[in-house]
Amino acid sequence: MGRTLGETTEQWSFRANSDYLDAWTALRVASSVLRGAGWRFPDSSYPLLDESYDQAMDALDAADQERIEALNALDRERHPIWSG
Protein backbone atom coordinates (compact mmCIF):
# COMPACT_ATOMS: atom_id res chain seq x y z
CA MET A 1 0.00 0.00 0.00
CA GLY A 2 2.74 2.45 0.92
CA ARG A 3 2.76 5.72 2.68
CA THR A 4 -0.29 7.88 2.03
CA LEU A 5 -0.21 11.55 1.09
CA GLY A 6 0.25 13.76 4.15
CA GLU A 7 1.08 10.84 6.43
CA THR A 8 4.14 11.24 8.64
CA THR A 9 6.65 8.41 8.86
CA GLU A 10 5.50 7.73 12.43
CA GLN A 11 1.86 7.57 11.33
CA TRP A 12 2.78 5.26 8.46
CA SER A 13 4.71 2.97 10.80
CA PHE A 14 1.84 2.89 13.29
CA ARG A 15 -0.72 2.15 10.54
CA ALA A 16 1.47 -0.50 8.96
CA ASN A 17 1.93 -2.21 12.31
CA SER A 18 -1.83 -2.08 12.95
CA ASP A 19 -2.50 -3.53 9.50
CA TYR A 20 -0.03 -6.33 10.24
CA LEU A 21 -1.78 -7.16 13.52
CA ASP A 22 -5.15 -7.16 11.73
CA ALA A 23 -3.77 -9.50 9.05
CA TRP A 24 -2.31 -11.79 11.73
CA THR A 25 -5.72 -11.94 13.43
CA ALA A 26 -7.41 -12.72 10.10
CA LEU A 27 -4.96 -15.56 9.50
CA ARG A 28 -5.66 -16.98 12.96
CA VAL A 29 -9.41 -16.80 12.26
CA ALA A 30 -8.98 -18.56 8.90
CA SER A 31 -6.91 -21.23 10.63
CA SER A 32 -9.57 -21.67 13.32
CA VAL A 33 -12.28 -22.01 10.68
CA LEU A 34 -10.29 -24.77 8.98
CA ARG A 35 -9.75 -26.58 12.25
CA GLY A 36 -13.44 -26.21 13.08
CA ALA A 37 -14.27 -27.77 9.73
CA GLY A 38 -12.12 -30.76 10.59
CA TRP A 39 -8.90 -29.86 8.82
CA ARG A 40 -5.85 -31.07 10.70
CA PHE A 41 -2.41 -29.82 9.81
CA PRO A 42 0.77 -29.18 11.78
CA ASP A 43 1.29 -25.57 12.87
CA SER A 44 4.34 -25.27 10.63
CA SER A 45 2.50 -26.39 7.49
CA TYR A 46 0.53 -24.40 4.94
CA PRO A 47 -2.88 -25.71 3.75
CA LEU A 48 -2.60 -24.75 0.08
CA LEU A 49 -6.05 -26.00 -0.84
CA ASP A 50 -8.03 -23.39 1.11
CA GLU A 51 -8.48 -20.08 -0.72
CA SER A 52 -9.46 -18.08 2.37
CA TYR A 53 -6.39 -19.23 4.27
CA ASP A 54 -4.19 -18.56 1.24
CA GLN A 55 -5.58 -15.02 0.90
CA ALA A 56 -5.08 -14.39 4.62
CA MET A 57 -1.48 -15.59 4.35
CA ASP A 58 -0.86 -13.34 1.34
CA ALA A 59 -2.34 -10.36 3.22
CA LEU A 60 -0.11 -11.11 6.21
CA ASP A 61 2.96 -11.29 3.98
CA ALA A 62 2.10 -7.96 2.31
CA ALA A 63 1.39 -6.30 5.66
CA ASP A 64 4.68 -7.58 7.05
CA GLN A 65 6.60 -6.12 4.10
CA GLU A 66 4.83 -2.77 4.56
CA ARG A 67 5.57 -2.81 8.27
CA ILE A 68 9.26 -3.46 7.61
CA GLU A 69 9.47 -0.66 5.02
CA ALA A 70 7.80 1.80 7.38
CA LEU A 71 10.00 0.81 10.29
CA ASN A 72 13.13 1.16 8.15
CA ALA A 73 12.01 4.61 7.00
CA LEU A 74 11.33 5.61 10.58
CA ASP A 75 14.78 4.39 11.64
CA ARG A 76 16.41 6.35 8.81
CA GLU A 77 14.49 9.47 9.82
CA ARG A 78 15.33 9.15 13.51
CA HIS A 79 18.95 8.09 12.96
CA PRO A 80 20.25 9.66 9.73
CA ILE A 81 23.85 8.74 10.52
CA TRP A 82 22.94 5.02 10.45
CA SER A 83 21.58 5.25 6.92
CA GLY A 84 24.94 6.25 5.48
C-alpha atoms as a PDB file:
ATOM      1  CA  MET A   1       0.000   0.000   0.000  1.00  0.00           C
ATOM      2  CA  GLY A   2       2.742   2.449   0.918  1.00  0.00           C
ATOM      3  CA  ARG A   3       2.763   5.725   2.678  1.00  0.00           C
ATOM      4  CA  THR A   4      -0.295   7.882   2.028  1.00  0.00           C
ATOM      5  CA  LEU A   5      -0.205  11.549   1.093  1.00  0.00           C
ATOM      6  CA  GLY A   6       0.253  13.756   4.146  1.00  0.00           C
ATOM      7  CA  GLU A   7       1.079  10.845   6.426  1.00  0.00           C
ATOM      8  CA  THR A   8       4.140  11.235   8.643  1.00  0.00           C
ATOM      9  CA  THR A   9       6.646   8.412   8.857  1.00  0.00           C
ATOM     10  CA  GLU A  10       5.500   7.729  12.426  1.00  0.00           C
ATOM     11  CA  GLN A  11       1.857   7.567  11.334  1.00  0.00           C
ATOM     12  CA  TRP A  12       2.781   5.260   8.464  1.00  0.00           C
ATOM     13  CA  SER A  13       4.708   2.975  10.804  1.00  0.00           C
ATOM     14  CA  PHE A  14       1.837   2.886  13.293  1.00  0.00           C
ATOM     15  CA  ARG A  15      -0.722   2.152  10.545  1.00  0.00           C
ATOM     16  CA  ALA A  16       1.470  -0.505   8.959  1.00  0.00           C
ATOM     17  CA  ASN A  17       1.926  -2.213  12.315  1.00  0.00           C
ATOM     18  CA  SER A  18      -1.829  -2.082  12.954  1.00  0.00           C
ATOM     19  CA  ASP A  19      -2.502  -3.530   9.500  1.00  0.00           C
ATOM     20  CA  TYR A  20      -0.027  -6.328  10.240  1.00  0.00           C
ATOM     21  CA  LEU A  21      -1.778  -7.160  13.516  1.00  0.00           C
ATOM     22  CA  ASP A  22      -5.152  -7.163  11.732  1.00  0.00           C
ATOM     23  CA  ALA A  23      -3.770  -9.503   9.053  1.00  0.00           C
ATOM     24  CA  TRP A  24      -2.311 -11.792  11.734  1.00  0.00           C
ATOM     25  CA  THR A  25      -5.721 -11.938  13.434  1.00  0.00           C
ATOM     26  CA  ALA A  26      -7.411 -12.722  10.098  1.00  0.00           C
ATOM     27  CA  LEU A  27      -4.962 -15.561   9.498  1.00  0.00           C
ATOM     28  CA  ARG A  28      -5.665 -16.982  12.958  1.00  0.00           C
ATOM     29  CA  VAL A  29      -9.410 -16.801  12.265  1.00  0.00           C
ATOM     30  CA  ALA A  30      -8.976 -18.556   8.899  1.00  0.00           C
ATOM     31  CA  SER A  31      -6.910 -21.228  10.627  1.00  0.00           C
ATOM     32  CA  SER A  32      -9.571 -21.673  13.315  1.00  0.00           C
ATOM     33  CA  VAL A  33     -12.278 -22.013  10.676  1.00  0.00           C
ATOM     34  CA  LEU A  34     -10.295 -24.770   8.980  1.00  0.00           C
ATOM     35  CA  ARG A  35      -9.749 -26.575  12.255  1.00  0.00           C
ATOM     36  CA  GLY A  36     -13.445 -26.211  13.084  1.00  0.00           C
ATOM     37  CA  ALA A  37     -14.270 -27.775   9.727  1.00  0.00           C
ATOM     38  CA  GLY A  38     -12.120 -30.760  10.592  1.00  0.00           C
ATOM     39  CA  TRP A  39      -8.895 -29.855   8.822  1.00  0.00           C
ATOM     40  CA  ARG A  40      -5.853 -31.067  10.696  1.00  0.00           C
ATOM     41  CA  PHE A  41      -2.413 -29.816   9.810  1.00  0.00           C
ATOM     42  CA  PRO A  42       0.769 -29.176  11.783  1.00  0.00           C
ATOM     43  CA  ASP A  43       1.289 -25.566  12.872  1.00  0.00           C
ATOM     44  CA  SER A  44       4.336 -25.272  10.632  1.00  0.00           C
ATOM     45  CA  SER A  45       2.497 -26.385   7.493  1.00  0.00           C
ATOM     46  CA  TYR A  46       0.531 -24.396   4.945  1.00  0.00           C
ATOM     47  CA  PRO A  47      -2.882 -25.709   3.746  1.00  0.00           C
ATOM     48  CA  LEU A  48      -2.604 -24.751   0.084  1.00  0.00           C
ATOM     49  CA  LEU A  49      -6.050 -25.997  -0.838  1.00  0.00           C
ATOM     50  CA  ASP A  50      -8.031 -23.394   1.108  1.00  0.00           C
ATOM     51  CA  GLU A  51      -8.477 -20.079  -0.721  1.00  0.00           C
ATOM     52  CA  SER A  52      -9.462 -18.077   2.373  1.00  0.00           C
ATOM     53  CA  TYR A  53      -6.388 -19.231   4.269  1.00  0.00           C
ATOM     54  CA  ASP A  54      -4.193 -18.556   1.240  1.00  0.00           C
ATOM     55  CA  GLN A  55      -5.585 -15.019   0.897  1.00  0.00           C
ATOM     56  CA  ALA A  56      -5.076 -14.392   4.617  1.00  0.00           C
ATOM     57  CA  MET A  57      -1.483 -15.591   4.348  1.00  0.00           C
ATOM     58  CA  ASP A  58      -0.863 -13.337   1.336  1.00  0.00           C
ATOM     59  CA  ALA A  59      -2.343 -10.364   3.218  1.00  0.00           C
ATOM     60  CA  LEU A  60      -0.113 -11.113   6.212  1.00  0.00           C
ATOM     61  CA  ASP A  61       2.960 -11.286   3.977  1.00  0.00           C
ATOM     62  CA  ALA A  62       2.103  -7.957   2.309  1.00  0.00           C
ATOM     63  CA  ALA A  63       1.390  -6.303   5.659  1.00  0.00           C
ATOM     64  CA  ASP A  64       4.675  -7.585   7.047  1.00  0.00           C
ATOM     65  CA  GLN A  65       6.603  -6.118   4.104  1.00  0.00           C
ATOM     66  CA  GLU A  66       4.833  -2.770   4.558  1.00  0.00           C
ATOM     67  CA  ARG A  67       5.569  -2.813   8.272  1.00  0.00           C
ATOM     68  CA  ILE A  68       9.265  -3.463   7.607  1.00  0.00           C
ATOM     69  CA  GLU A  69       9.467  -0.663   5.015  1.00  0.00           C
ATOM     70  CA  ALA A  70       7.797   1.805   7.381  1.00  0.00           C
ATOM     71  CA  LEU A  71       9.997   0.805  10.285  1.00  0.00           C
ATOM     72  CA  ASN A  72      13.131   1.160   8.154  1.00  0.00           C
ATOM     73  CA  ALA A  73      12.006   4.614   6.997  1.00  0.00           C
ATOM     74  CA  LEU A  74      11.330   5.607  10.584  1.00  0.00           C
ATOM     75  CA  ASP A  75      14.779   4.392  11.639  1.00  0.00           C
ATOM     76  CA  ARG A  76      16.415   6.348   8.805  1.00  0.00           C
ATOM     77  CA  GLU A  77      14.488   9.471   9.815  1.00  0.00           C
ATOM     78  CA  ARG A  78      15.333   9.154  13.506  1.00  0.00           C
ATOM     79  CA  HIS A  79      18.955   8.092  12.959  1.00  0.00           C
ATOM     80  CA  PRO A  80      20.246   9.660   9.725  1.00  0.00           C
ATOM     81  CA  ILE A  81      23.848   8.737  10.521  1.00  0.00           C
ATOM     82  CA  TRP A  82      22.945   5.022  10.452  1.00  0.00           C
ATOM     83  CA  SER A  83      21.583   5.251   6.917  1.00  0.00           C
ATOM     84  CA  GLY A  84      24.943   6.254   5.481  1.00  0.00           C
END
